[in-house]
Amino acid sequence: MSIRCSTRSRRVVAAVSLTAALALAVAGCGTDDGGKSESNGSPSSAVPSTSSDSSDEEKGAKQEDTAAGENVDPNVKLAEVRGQNGVTLIVHQVKRDSGGFVTVQGEVKNENSERQPTSGWAGSESLLVTKNPNSVAGAALIDKAGKKRYYVLRDTDGRCLCTTGILPLQPGGSTPIFMQFPAPPATTTEVDFMLPTFATTSLKISG
């Protein structure tokens, strides 16, 4: 009787051990699948960060657009420069800032009866044009007294501190523009302003 009970107990223990082993094996497979699921999920988790970067760029673009015309009186005309095909540039403000740069703000108007392109204002430097399409990145200030030429400032990625992405001007249409340059010495109060396709004009620096 005790021998039968002992044999039966061994069978029960063996069955329980086998069941436990199978359970562990299944559990092990489940863990592998879980690891794969988490691994597969990681690329999708990168999507929100990309989206966040994109919105940061959009915010930067909006800040750049709103910089044009900010605190500028549209009725002030420091200069009016004729360009090609009836396009006119009106300069409203040329201001020296404490940060060590000069900001030029104005407006470009199309007085022609046909739509006018804006691509020529970015200049002829290929890298600058690529980084700043349809912009006023080709502008420059010339300090005759100091015999120096100042170009539009750029960030570390080659993007200009100026108005970019300017759409073709419709007949009678206009667009505000701005450009930031390194500031000439404080003793320089007047500079020549150049923008491709427009005539050169003299500007007085305020501030």
N, C-alpha and C. Protein backbone atom coordinates (compact mmCIF):
# COMPACT_ATOMS: atom_id res chain seq x y z
N MET A 1 0.85 -1.20 0.00
CA MET A 1 0.00 0.00 0.00
C MET A 1 0.87 1.23 0.00
N SER A 2 1.87 1.23 0.81
CA SER A 2 2.77 2.39 0.87
C SER A 2 3.58 2.51 -0.40
N ILE A 3 3.91 1.32 -1.01
CA ILE A 3 4.67 1.36 -2.27
C ILE A 3 3.84 1.98 -3.36
N ARG A 4 2.52 1.59 -3.46
CA ARG A 4 1.63 2.18 -4.47
C ARG A 4 1.48 3.67 -4.27
N CYS A 5 1.32 4.07 -2.99
CA CYS A 5 1.16 5.51 -2.71
C CYS A 5 2.41 6.26 -3.09
N SER A 6 3.56 5.62 -2.80
CA SER A 6 4.83 6.28 -3.13
C SER A 6 4.99 6.42 -4.62
N THR A 7 4.62 5.37 -5.37
CA THR A 7 4.72 5.41 -6.84
C THR A 7 3.79 6.46 -7.39
N ARG A 8 2.56 6.47 -6.87
CA ARG A 8 1.58 7.46 -7.34
C ARG A 8 2.06 8.88 -7.03
N SER A 9 2.68 9.05 -5.87
CA SER A 9 3.18 10.40 -5.50
C SER A 9 4.26 10.86 -6.45
N ARG A 10 5.14 9.87 -6.82
CA ARG A 10 6.20 10.25 -7.76
C ARG A 10 5.61 10.68 -9.09
N ARG A 11 4.56 9.95 -9.54
CA ARG A 11 3.92 10.30 -10.81
C ARG A 11 3.30 11.69 -10.74
N VAL A 12 2.66 11.98 -9.60
CA VAL A 12 2.03 13.29 -9.44
C VAL A 12 3.08 14.39 -9.46
N VAL A 13 4.18 14.14 -8.72
CA VAL A 13 5.26 15.14 -8.68
C VAL A 13 5.85 15.34 -10.06
N ALA A 14 6.04 14.22 -10.79
CA ALA A 14 6.61 14.31 -12.15
C ALA A 14 5.67 15.09 -13.05
N ALA A 15 4.37 14.82 -12.93
CA ALA A 15 3.38 15.53 -13.77
C ALA A 15 3.37 17.00 -13.46
N VAL A 16 3.42 17.32 -12.16
CA VAL A 16 3.43 18.72 -11.75
C VAL A 16 4.68 19.41 -12.26
N SER A 17 5.83 18.71 -12.16
CA SER A 17 7.10 19.28 -12.63
C SER A 17 7.04 19.53 -14.13
N LEU A 18 6.49 18.58 -14.89
CA LEU A 18 6.37 18.73 -16.34
C LEU A 18 5.47 19.90 -16.69
N THR A 19 4.36 20.00 -15.96
CA THR A 19 3.42 21.11 -16.20
C THR A 19 4.08 22.45 -15.90
N ALA A 20 4.84 22.50 -14.81
CA ALA A 20 5.54 23.74 -14.45
C ALA A 20 6.57 24.10 -15.50
N ALA A 21 7.28 23.07 -16.00
CA ALA A 21 8.30 23.32 -17.03
C ALA A 21 7.66 23.86 -18.29
N LEU A 22 6.52 23.25 -18.69
CA LEU A 22 5.81 23.73 -19.88
C LEU A 22 5.33 25.17 -19.67
N ALA A 23 4.85 25.45 -18.48
CA ALA A 23 4.36 26.80 -18.17
C ALA A 23 5.48 27.82 -18.27
N LEU A 24 6.65 27.45 -17.76
CA LEU A 24 7.81 28.35 -17.84
C LEU A 24 8.23 28.57 -19.28
N ALA A 25 8.18 27.49 -20.08
CA ALA A 25 8.56 27.60 -21.50
C ALA A 25 7.63 28.55 -22.22
N VAL A 26 6.30 28.40 -21.96
CA VAL A 26 5.31 29.29 -22.59
C VAL A 26 5.52 30.72 -22.14
N ALA A 27 5.78 30.86 -20.84
CA ALA A 27 6.01 32.20 -20.30
C ALA A 27 7.24 32.82 -20.94
N GLY A 28 8.29 32.00 -21.16
CA GLY A 28 9.50 32.50 -21.81
C GLY A 28 9.22 32.99 -23.21
N CYS A 29 8.40 32.26 -23.97
CA CYS A 29 8.03 32.70 -25.32
C CYS A 29 7.26 33.99 -25.26
N GLY A 30 6.38 34.12 -24.29
CA GLY A 30 5.60 35.34 -24.15
C GLY A 30 6.50 36.54 -23.90
N THR A 31 7.56 36.36 -23.12
CA THR A 31 8.48 37.45 -22.83
C THR A 31 9.21 37.88 -24.09
N ASP A 32 9.61 36.91 -24.93
CA ASP A 32 10.29 37.25 -26.18
C ASP A 32 9.39 38.07 -27.07
N ASP A 33 8.11 37.65 -27.16
CA ASP A 33 7.16 38.40 -27.99
C ASP A 33 6.99 39.81 -27.45
N GLY A 34 6.94 39.91 -26.12
CA GLY A 34 6.77 41.22 -25.51
C GLY A 34 7.94 42.11 -25.83
N GLY A 35 9.15 41.54 -25.79
CA GLY A 35 10.33 42.33 -26.10
C GLY A 35 10.28 42.82 -27.52
N LYS A 36 9.81 41.93 -28.45
CA LYS A 36 9.71 42.32 -29.85
C LYS A 36 8.69 43.41 -30.03
N SER A 37 7.59 43.31 -29.30
CA SER A 37 6.55 44.33 -29.42
C SER A 37 7.07 45.68 -28.99
N GLU A 38 7.84 45.68 -27.87
CA GLU A 38 8.39 46.95 -27.42
C GLU A 38 9.39 47.47 -28.42
N SER A 39 10.18 46.56 -29.01
CA SER A 39 11.17 46.99 -30.00
C SER A 39 10.50 47.57 -31.22
N ASN A 40 9.40 46.89 -31.65
CA ASN A 40 8.68 47.39 -32.82
C ASN A 40 8.00 48.70 -32.53
N GLY A 41 7.68 48.92 -31.26
CA GLY A 41 6.98 50.15 -30.90
C GLY A 41 7.90 51.35 -30.84
N SER A 42 9.22 51.14 -30.70
CA SER A 42 10.13 52.26 -30.53
C SER A 42 10.19 53.18 -31.73
N PRO A 43 10.18 52.67 -33.01
CA PRO A 43 10.20 53.61 -34.12
C PRO A 43 8.98 54.52 -34.13
N SER A 44 7.79 53.96 -33.81
CA SER A 44 6.60 54.80 -33.81
C SER A 44 6.66 55.85 -32.72
N SER A 45 7.42 55.56 -31.63
CA SER A 45 7.53 56.55 -30.57
C SER A 45 8.40 57.72 -31.00
N ALA A 46 9.19 57.51 -32.09
CA ALA A 46 10.02 58.62 -32.59
C ALA A 46 9.21 59.59 -33.42
N VAL A 47 8.03 59.17 -33.88
CA VAL A 47 7.21 60.04 -34.72
C VAL A 47 6.78 61.31 -34.01
N PRO A 48 6.29 61.23 -32.74
CA PRO A 48 5.91 62.46 -32.06
C PRO A 48 7.05 63.45 -31.94
N SER A 49 8.30 62.96 -31.70
CA SER A 49 9.42 63.89 -31.57
C SER A 49 9.69 64.58 -32.89
N THR A 50 9.54 63.84 -34.03
CA THR A 50 9.72 64.46 -35.34
C THR A 50 8.68 65.53 -35.56
N SER A 51 7.44 65.18 -35.17
CA SER A 51 6.36 66.14 -35.30
C SER A 51 6.62 67.38 -34.47
N SER A 52 7.20 67.18 -33.26
CA SER A 52 7.51 68.30 -32.39
C SER A 52 8.57 69.19 -33.01
N ASP A 53 9.60 68.56 -33.63
CA ASP A 53 10.63 69.34 -34.30
C ASP A 53 10.02 70.16 -35.41
N SER A 54 9.08 69.55 -36.15
CA SER A 54 8.46 70.26 -37.25
C SER A 54 7.71 71.48 -36.76
N SER A 55 6.98 71.33 -35.62
CA SER A 55 6.23 72.48 -35.13
C SER A 55 7.16 73.56 -34.62
N ASP A 56 8.36 73.17 -34.13
CA ASP A 56 9.33 74.16 -33.70
C ASP A 56 9.81 74.98 -34.88
N GLU A 57 10.01 74.29 -36.02
CA GLU A 57 10.43 75.00 -37.23
C GLU A 57 9.34 75.93 -37.71
N GLU A 58 8.07 75.46 -37.61
CA GLU A 58 6.96 76.30 -38.03
C GLU A 58 6.88 77.53 -37.14
N LYS A 59 7.13 77.35 -35.84
CA LYS A 59 7.11 78.50 -34.93
C LYS A 59 8.19 79.49 -35.32
N GLY A 60 9.40 78.93 -35.67
CA GLY A 60 10.49 79.80 -36.07
C GLY A 60 10.15 80.58 -37.31
N ALA A 61 9.45 79.89 -38.27
CA ALA A 61 9.06 80.57 -39.50
C ALA A 61 8.07 81.68 -39.21
N LYS A 62 7.14 81.42 -38.27
CA LYS A 62 6.16 82.44 -37.92
C LYS A 62 6.83 83.64 -37.27
N GLN A 63 7.81 83.38 -36.41
CA GLN A 63 8.53 84.48 -35.78
C GLN A 63 9.25 85.31 -36.81
N GLU A 64 9.80 84.62 -37.82
CA GLU A 64 10.52 85.33 -38.86
C GLU A 64 9.57 86.22 -39.65
N ASP A 65 8.38 85.70 -39.96
CA ASP A 65 7.41 86.47 -40.73
C ASP A 65 6.93 87.71 -39.96
N THR A 66 6.65 87.53 -38.67
CA THR A 66 6.12 88.64 -37.89
C THR A 66 7.17 89.70 -37.58
N ALA A 67 8.45 89.34 -37.75
CA ALA A 67 9.51 90.32 -37.47
C ALA A 67 9.45 91.47 -38.46
N ALA A 68 8.99 91.18 -39.69
CA ALA A 68 8.87 92.23 -40.69
C ALA A 68 7.71 93.15 -40.35
N GLY A 69 7.98 94.43 -40.29
CA GLY A 69 6.93 95.40 -40.04
C GLY A 69 6.63 95.64 -38.58
N GLU A 70 7.38 94.96 -37.68
CA GLU A 70 7.12 95.12 -36.25
C GLU A 70 7.64 96.48 -35.77
N ASN A 71 6.78 97.24 -35.12
CA ASN A 71 7.12 98.57 -34.61
C ASN A 71 7.64 99.51 -35.70
N VAL A 72 7.08 99.37 -36.88
CA VAL A 72 7.50 100.20 -38.01
C VAL A 72 6.31 101.03 -38.50
N ASP A 73 6.56 102.30 -38.73
CA ASP A 73 5.52 103.18 -39.25
C ASP A 73 5.51 103.08 -40.77
N PRO A 74 4.46 102.53 -41.37
CA PRO A 74 4.41 102.35 -42.83
C PRO A 74 4.37 103.66 -43.59
N ASN A 75 4.07 104.74 -42.89
CA ASN A 75 4.00 106.05 -43.55
C ASN A 75 5.38 106.71 -43.69
N VAL A 76 6.38 106.16 -42.98
CA VAL A 76 7.74 106.70 -43.07
C VAL A 76 8.44 106.09 -44.28
N LYS A 77 9.01 106.95 -45.11
CA LYS A 77 9.74 106.49 -46.30
C LYS A 77 11.16 107.06 -46.26
N LEU A 78 12.09 106.23 -45.82
CA LEU A 78 13.49 106.66 -45.81
C LEU A 78 14.09 106.63 -47.21
N ALA A 79 13.56 105.73 -48.03
CA ALA A 79 14.03 105.63 -49.41
C ALA A 79 13.00 104.89 -50.24
N GLU A 80 12.96 105.20 -51.51
CA GLU A 80 12.09 104.50 -52.46
C GLU A 80 12.94 104.14 -53.67
N VAL A 81 13.10 102.85 -53.89
CA VAL A 81 14.04 102.37 -54.91
C VAL A 81 13.29 101.60 -56.00
N ARG A 82 13.59 101.95 -57.23
CA ARG A 82 12.97 101.27 -58.36
C ARG A 82 13.73 99.98 -58.70
N GLY A 83 12.95 98.94 -58.97
CA GLY A 83 13.54 97.68 -59.40
C GLY A 83 13.14 97.37 -60.82
N GLN A 84 13.17 96.11 -61.18
CA GLN A 84 12.82 95.70 -62.54
C GLN A 84 11.32 95.51 -62.70
N ASN A 85 10.84 95.79 -63.89
CA ASN A 85 9.45 95.51 -64.27
C ASN A 85 8.41 96.13 -63.33
N GLY A 86 8.66 97.37 -62.92
CA GLY A 86 7.65 98.07 -62.13
C GLY A 86 7.57 97.69 -60.68
N VAL A 87 8.60 97.01 -60.16
CA VAL A 87 8.63 96.64 -58.73
C VAL A 87 9.38 97.73 -57.96
N THR A 88 8.82 98.15 -56.83
CA THR A 88 9.40 99.24 -56.04
C THR A 88 9.67 98.76 -54.61
N LEU A 89 10.84 99.16 -54.09
CA LEU A 89 11.20 98.87 -52.71
C LEU A 89 11.12 100.16 -51.89
N ILE A 90 10.34 100.13 -50.82
CA ILE A 90 10.23 101.28 -49.92
C ILE A 90 10.84 100.89 -48.58
N VAL A 91 11.83 101.65 -48.12
CA VAL A 91 12.49 101.38 -46.84
C VAL A 91 11.83 102.24 -45.76
N HIS A 92 11.33 101.59 -44.71
CA HIS A 92 10.64 102.29 -43.63
C HIS A 92 11.54 102.56 -42.43
N GLN A 93 12.49 101.66 -42.18
CA GLN A 93 13.31 101.82 -40.98
C GLN A 93 14.68 101.16 -41.15
N VAL A 94 15.70 101.84 -40.65
CA VAL A 94 17.07 101.30 -40.59
C VAL A 94 17.56 101.58 -39.19
N LYS A 95 17.58 100.56 -38.34
CA LYS A 95 17.82 100.78 -36.91
C LYS A 95 18.99 99.96 -36.39
N ARG A 96 19.86 100.65 -35.64
CA ARG A 96 20.96 99.97 -34.96
C ARG A 96 20.46 99.48 -33.60
N ASP A 97 20.69 98.19 -33.30
CA ASP A 97 20.23 97.61 -32.04
C ASP A 97 21.41 97.35 -31.10
N SER A 98 21.09 97.23 -29.82
CA SER A 98 22.12 97.01 -28.81
C SER A 98 22.82 95.67 -28.97
N GLY A 99 22.18 94.75 -29.69
CA GLY A 99 22.78 93.42 -29.90
C GLY A 99 23.94 93.42 -30.87
N GLY A 100 24.23 94.56 -31.50
CA GLY A 100 25.36 94.63 -32.42
C GLY A 100 24.99 94.36 -33.86
N PHE A 101 23.75 94.65 -34.23
CA PHE A 101 23.35 94.49 -35.63
C PHE A 101 22.44 95.62 -36.06
N VAL A 102 22.26 95.72 -37.36
CA VAL A 102 21.38 96.74 -37.96
C VAL A 102 20.24 96.03 -38.67
N THR A 103 19.02 96.46 -38.39
CA THR A 103 17.84 95.86 -39.03
C THR A 103 17.25 96.84 -40.04
N VAL A 104 17.07 96.35 -41.25
CA VAL A 104 16.43 97.14 -42.31
C VAL A 104 15.04 96.55 -42.55
N GLN A 105 14.02 97.40 -42.47
CA GLN A 105 12.66 96.94 -42.70
C GLN A 105 11.99 97.80 -43.75
N GLY A 106 11.22 97.16 -44.57
CA GLY A 106 10.56 97.88 -45.64
C GLY A 106 9.44 97.09 -46.28
N GLU A 107 9.16 97.42 -47.52
CA GLU A 107 8.04 96.81 -48.23
C GLU A 107 8.35 96.83 -49.72
N VAL A 108 7.98 95.75 -50.40
CA VAL A 108 8.16 95.67 -51.84
C VAL A 108 6.79 95.64 -52.50
N LYS A 109 6.61 96.52 -53.48
CA LYS A 109 5.31 96.62 -54.16
C LYS A 109 5.46 96.32 -55.65
N ASN A 110 4.45 95.65 -56.17
CA ASN A 110 4.40 95.37 -57.61
C ASN A 110 3.41 96.32 -58.26
N GLU A 111 3.92 97.29 -58.99
CA GLU A 111 3.06 98.27 -59.66
C GLU A 111 2.83 97.90 -61.12
N ASN A 112 3.22 96.68 -61.45
CA ASN A 112 3.04 96.18 -62.81
C ASN A 112 1.69 95.47 -62.93
N SER A 113 1.24 95.28 -64.15
CA SER A 113 -0.03 94.60 -64.38
C SER A 113 0.14 93.08 -64.47
N GLU A 114 1.38 92.61 -64.32
CA GLU A 114 1.66 91.19 -64.37
C GLU A 114 2.33 90.72 -63.08
N ARG A 115 2.16 89.43 -62.81
CA ARG A 115 2.78 88.86 -61.61
C ARG A 115 4.30 88.86 -61.76
N GLN A 116 5.00 89.20 -60.67
CA GLN A 116 6.46 89.30 -60.72
C GLN A 116 7.11 88.28 -59.79
N PRO A 117 8.16 87.59 -60.28
CA PRO A 117 8.88 86.63 -59.43
C PRO A 117 9.72 87.34 -58.38
N THR A 118 10.08 86.60 -57.34
CA THR A 118 10.88 87.17 -56.25
C THR A 118 12.18 86.41 -56.03
N SER A 119 12.46 85.44 -56.88
CA SER A 119 13.62 84.56 -56.67
C SER A 119 14.95 85.28 -56.82
N GLY A 120 15.00 86.35 -57.61
CA GLY A 120 16.27 87.03 -57.86
C GLY A 120 16.82 87.79 -56.67
N TRP A 121 16.04 88.01 -55.64
CA TRP A 121 16.46 88.80 -54.49
C TRP A 121 17.37 88.03 -53.55
N ALA A 122 17.46 86.73 -53.71
CA ALA A 122 18.29 85.90 -52.83
C ALA A 122 19.77 85.97 -53.20
N GLY A 123 20.09 86.58 -54.32
CA GLY A 123 21.49 86.69 -54.72
C GLY A 123 21.91 85.55 -55.64
N SER A 124 23.22 85.42 -55.84
CA SER A 124 23.75 84.42 -56.78
C SER A 124 24.57 83.33 -56.09
N GLU A 125 24.77 83.43 -54.79
CA GLU A 125 25.53 82.39 -54.07
C GLU A 125 24.66 81.14 -53.94
N SER A 126 25.10 80.06 -54.56
CA SER A 126 24.27 78.85 -54.66
C SER A 126 23.84 78.30 -53.30
N LEU A 127 24.76 78.22 -52.34
CA LEU A 127 24.41 77.68 -51.02
C LEU A 127 23.39 78.57 -50.32
N LEU A 128 23.58 79.88 -50.45
CA LEU A 128 22.66 80.83 -49.81
C LEU A 128 21.27 80.73 -50.43
N VAL A 129 21.22 80.59 -51.74
CA VAL A 129 19.93 80.47 -52.44
C VAL A 129 19.23 79.18 -52.05
N THR A 130 20.00 78.09 -51.95
CA THR A 130 19.43 76.79 -51.59
C THR A 130 18.83 76.80 -50.19
N LYS A 131 19.55 77.42 -49.26
CA LYS A 131 19.07 77.47 -47.87
C LYS A 131 17.96 78.51 -47.68
N ASN A 132 17.92 79.52 -48.55
CA ASN A 132 16.96 80.62 -48.38
C ASN A 132 16.26 80.96 -49.69
N PRO A 133 15.45 80.05 -50.21
CA PRO A 133 14.77 80.32 -51.48
C PRO A 133 13.76 81.46 -51.38
N ASN A 134 13.66 82.23 -52.45
CA ASN A 134 12.69 83.32 -52.51
C ASN A 134 12.81 84.24 -51.29
N SER A 135 14.01 84.70 -51.03
CA SER A 135 14.26 85.55 -49.87
C SER A 135 14.96 86.84 -50.31
N VAL A 136 15.31 87.66 -49.32
CA VAL A 136 16.09 88.87 -49.60
C VAL A 136 17.50 88.69 -49.03
N ALA A 137 17.99 87.46 -49.07
CA ALA A 137 19.30 87.13 -48.52
C ALA A 137 20.45 87.74 -49.31
N GLY A 138 20.18 88.22 -50.51
CA GLY A 138 21.24 88.79 -51.33
C GLY A 138 21.53 90.25 -51.03
N ALA A 139 20.87 90.83 -50.03
CA ALA A 139 21.06 92.24 -49.69
C ALA A 139 22.41 92.48 -49.03
N ALA A 140 22.88 93.73 -49.10
CA ALA A 140 24.16 94.09 -48.48
C ALA A 140 24.17 95.57 -48.12
N LEU A 141 24.94 95.90 -47.09
CA LEU A 141 25.18 97.28 -46.69
C LEU A 141 26.64 97.61 -46.99
N ILE A 142 26.88 98.79 -47.53
CA ILE A 142 28.25 99.20 -47.85
C ILE A 142 28.62 100.44 -47.04
N ASP A 143 29.65 100.30 -46.25
CA ASP A 143 30.20 101.41 -45.46
C ASP A 143 31.34 102.02 -46.27
N LYS A 144 31.06 103.09 -46.97
CA LYS A 144 32.08 103.70 -47.83
C LYS A 144 33.25 104.24 -47.02
N ALA A 145 32.95 104.87 -45.89
CA ALA A 145 34.01 105.46 -45.07
C ALA A 145 34.94 104.37 -44.53
N GLY A 146 34.35 103.29 -44.05
CA GLY A 146 35.15 102.20 -43.50
C GLY A 146 35.62 101.21 -44.54
N LYS A 147 35.15 101.39 -45.80
CA LYS A 147 35.51 100.51 -46.92
C LYS A 147 35.22 99.04 -46.59
N LYS A 148 33.99 98.82 -46.09
CA LYS A 148 33.56 97.46 -45.76
C LYS A 148 32.17 97.18 -46.31
N ARG A 149 31.94 95.93 -46.62
CA ARG A 149 30.62 95.50 -47.07
C ARG A 149 30.07 94.51 -46.06
N TYR A 150 28.81 94.70 -45.66
CA TYR A 150 28.17 93.83 -44.67
C TYR A 150 27.03 93.06 -45.32
N TYR A 151 27.08 91.72 -45.16
CA TYR A 151 26.05 90.86 -45.74
C TYR A 151 25.03 90.47 -44.68
N VAL A 152 23.89 89.98 -45.13
CA VAL A 152 22.83 89.54 -44.22
C VAL A 152 23.36 88.44 -43.30
N LEU A 153 23.05 88.55 -42.01
CA LEU A 153 23.49 87.56 -41.04
C LEU A 153 22.86 86.19 -41.32
N ARG A 154 23.60 85.12 -40.96
CA ARG A 154 23.09 83.76 -41.10
C ARG A 154 23.29 83.00 -39.80
N ASP A 155 22.46 81.97 -39.60
CA ASP A 155 22.65 81.12 -38.44
C ASP A 155 23.62 79.99 -38.81
N THR A 156 23.84 79.06 -37.89
CA THR A 156 24.82 78.00 -38.13
C THR A 156 24.39 77.03 -39.23
N ASP A 157 23.11 77.03 -39.58
CA ASP A 157 22.62 76.16 -40.65
C ASP A 157 22.59 76.88 -42.00
N GLY A 158 23.07 78.13 -42.03
CA GLY A 158 23.11 78.86 -43.29
C GLY A 158 21.82 79.59 -43.62
N ARG A 159 20.87 79.62 -42.69
CA ARG A 159 19.62 80.33 -42.94
C ARG A 159 19.78 81.80 -42.57
N CYS A 160 19.30 82.65 -43.44
CA CYS A 160 19.50 84.09 -43.23
C CYS A 160 18.56 84.65 -42.18
N LEU A 161 18.99 85.73 -41.55
CA LEU A 161 18.12 86.48 -40.65
C LEU A 161 17.41 87.53 -41.50
N CYS A 162 16.47 87.05 -42.27
CA CYS A 162 15.74 87.91 -43.21
C CYS A 162 14.45 87.23 -43.61
N THR A 163 13.65 87.93 -44.39
CA THR A 163 12.39 87.38 -44.87
C THR A 163 12.68 86.32 -45.93
N THR A 164 12.05 85.17 -45.80
CA THR A 164 12.23 84.08 -46.75
C THR A 164 10.88 83.58 -47.25
N GLY A 165 10.91 82.73 -48.26
CA GLY A 165 9.67 82.14 -48.78
C GLY A 165 8.69 83.15 -49.31
N ILE A 166 9.20 84.19 -49.96
CA ILE A 166 8.33 85.25 -50.49
C ILE A 166 7.64 84.76 -51.76
N LEU A 167 6.33 84.83 -51.77
CA LEU A 167 5.56 84.39 -52.93
C LEU A 167 5.65 85.42 -54.06
N PRO A 168 5.47 84.98 -55.30
CA PRO A 168 5.46 85.93 -56.41
C PRO A 168 4.44 87.04 -56.15
N LEU A 169 4.81 88.26 -56.52
CA LEU A 169 3.93 89.40 -56.26
C LEU A 169 2.85 89.52 -57.32
N GLN A 170 1.62 89.53 -56.88
CA GLN A 170 0.50 89.72 -57.79
C GLN A 170 0.43 91.18 -58.23
N PRO A 171 -0.22 91.46 -59.35
CA PRO A 171 -0.36 92.86 -59.79
C PRO A 171 -0.98 93.72 -58.68
N GLY A 172 -0.30 94.80 -58.32
CA GLY A 172 -0.79 95.67 -57.26
C GLY A 172 -0.52 95.15 -55.88
N GLY A 173 0.11 93.99 -55.77
CA GLY A 173 0.37 93.38 -54.47
C GLY A 173 1.65 93.89 -53.84
N SER A 174 1.82 93.59 -52.55
CA SER A 174 3.02 94.01 -51.82
C SER A 174 3.34 92.99 -50.74
N THR A 175 4.56 93.06 -50.23
CA THR A 175 4.97 92.18 -49.14
C THR A 175 5.98 92.89 -48.25
N PRO A 176 5.84 92.76 -46.91
CA PRO A 176 6.83 93.37 -46.00
C PRO A 176 8.10 92.53 -45.98
N ILE A 177 9.24 93.17 -45.83
CA ILE A 177 10.51 92.46 -45.76
C ILE A 177 11.38 93.03 -44.64
N PHE A 178 12.32 92.22 -44.17
CA PHE A 178 13.30 92.70 -43.20
C PHE A 178 14.61 91.94 -43.40
N MET A 179 15.71 92.57 -43.01
CA MET A 179 17.04 91.99 -43.10
C MET A 179 17.85 92.46 -41.91
N GLN A 180 18.70 91.59 -41.38
CA GLN A 180 19.57 91.98 -40.28
C GLN A 180 21.03 91.81 -40.69
N PHE A 181 21.84 92.84 -40.41
CA PHE A 181 23.24 92.87 -40.78
C PHE A 181 24.11 93.09 -39.55
N PRO A 182 25.38 92.71 -39.63
CA PRO A 182 26.31 93.13 -38.57
C PRO A 182 26.37 94.65 -38.57
N ALA A 183 26.44 95.23 -37.40
CA ALA A 183 26.44 96.69 -37.31
C ALA A 183 27.80 97.28 -37.65
N PRO A 184 27.83 98.31 -38.50
CA PRO A 184 29.07 99.04 -38.73
C PRO A 184 29.47 99.77 -37.46
N PRO A 185 30.68 100.36 -37.40
CA PRO A 185 31.08 101.12 -36.21
C PRO A 185 30.08 102.23 -35.89
N ALA A 186 30.02 102.59 -34.62
CA ALA A 186 29.06 103.61 -34.17
C ALA A 186 29.25 104.94 -34.88
N THR A 187 30.46 105.17 -35.37
CA THR A 187 30.73 106.43 -36.07
C THR A 187 30.13 106.45 -37.48
N THR A 188 29.73 105.27 -37.98
CA THR A 188 29.11 105.19 -39.30
C THR A 188 27.60 105.39 -39.16
N THR A 189 27.10 106.47 -39.70
CA THR A 189 25.67 106.79 -39.60
C THR A 189 24.95 106.69 -40.94
N GLU A 190 25.69 106.44 -42.00
CA GLU A 190 25.07 106.34 -43.32
C GLU A 190 25.75 105.24 -44.13
N VAL A 191 24.94 104.44 -44.80
CA VAL A 191 25.46 103.32 -45.61
C VAL A 191 24.70 103.26 -46.93
N ASP A 192 25.30 102.58 -47.90
CA ASP A 192 24.60 102.29 -49.15
C ASP A 192 23.94 100.93 -49.02
N PHE A 193 22.73 100.83 -49.52
CA PHE A 193 21.97 99.59 -49.44
C PHE A 193 21.81 98.99 -50.84
N MET A 194 22.10 97.69 -50.93
CA MET A 194 21.99 96.99 -52.22
C MET A 194 21.10 95.76 -52.08
N LEU A 195 20.24 95.55 -53.05
CA LEU A 195 19.42 94.35 -53.15
C LEU A 195 19.33 93.98 -54.62
N PRO A 196 19.65 92.73 -54.99
CA PRO A 196 19.64 92.35 -56.40
C PRO A 196 18.35 92.76 -57.12
N THR A 197 18.50 93.24 -58.32
CA THR A 197 17.45 93.72 -59.24
C THR A 197 16.98 95.14 -58.91
N PHE A 198 17.48 95.72 -57.80
CA PHE A 198 17.10 97.09 -57.43
C PHE A 198 18.32 98.01 -57.52
N ALA A 199 18.04 99.30 -57.68
CA ALA A 199 19.12 100.28 -57.70
C ALA A 199 19.68 100.44 -56.30
N THR A 200 20.92 100.91 -56.21
CA THR A 200 21.55 101.17 -54.92
C THR A 200 21.04 102.49 -54.35
N THR A 201 20.83 102.53 -53.04
CA THR A 201 20.34 103.75 -52.41
C THR A 201 21.09 104.01 -51.11
N SER A 202 21.14 105.25 -50.68
CA SER A 202 21.82 105.63 -49.43
C SER A 202 20.80 105.65 -48.29
N LEU A 203 21.22 105.10 -47.14
CA LEU A 203 20.32 105.04 -45.98
C LEU A 203 21.02 105.56 -44.74
N LYS A 204 20.26 106.26 -43.91
CA LYS A 204 20.78 106.74 -42.63
C LYS A 204 20.37 105.78 -41.53
N ILE A 205 21.32 105.46 -40.65
CA ILE A 205 21.06 104.53 -39.56
C ILE A 205 20.61 105.28 -38.32
N SER A 206 19.52 104.84 -37.72
CA SER A 206 19.03 105.45 -36.48
C SER A 206 19.37 104.53 -35.31
N GLY A 207 19.31 105.10 -34.10
CA GLY A 207 19.57 104.31 -32.91
C GLY A 207 21.03 104.24 -32.53
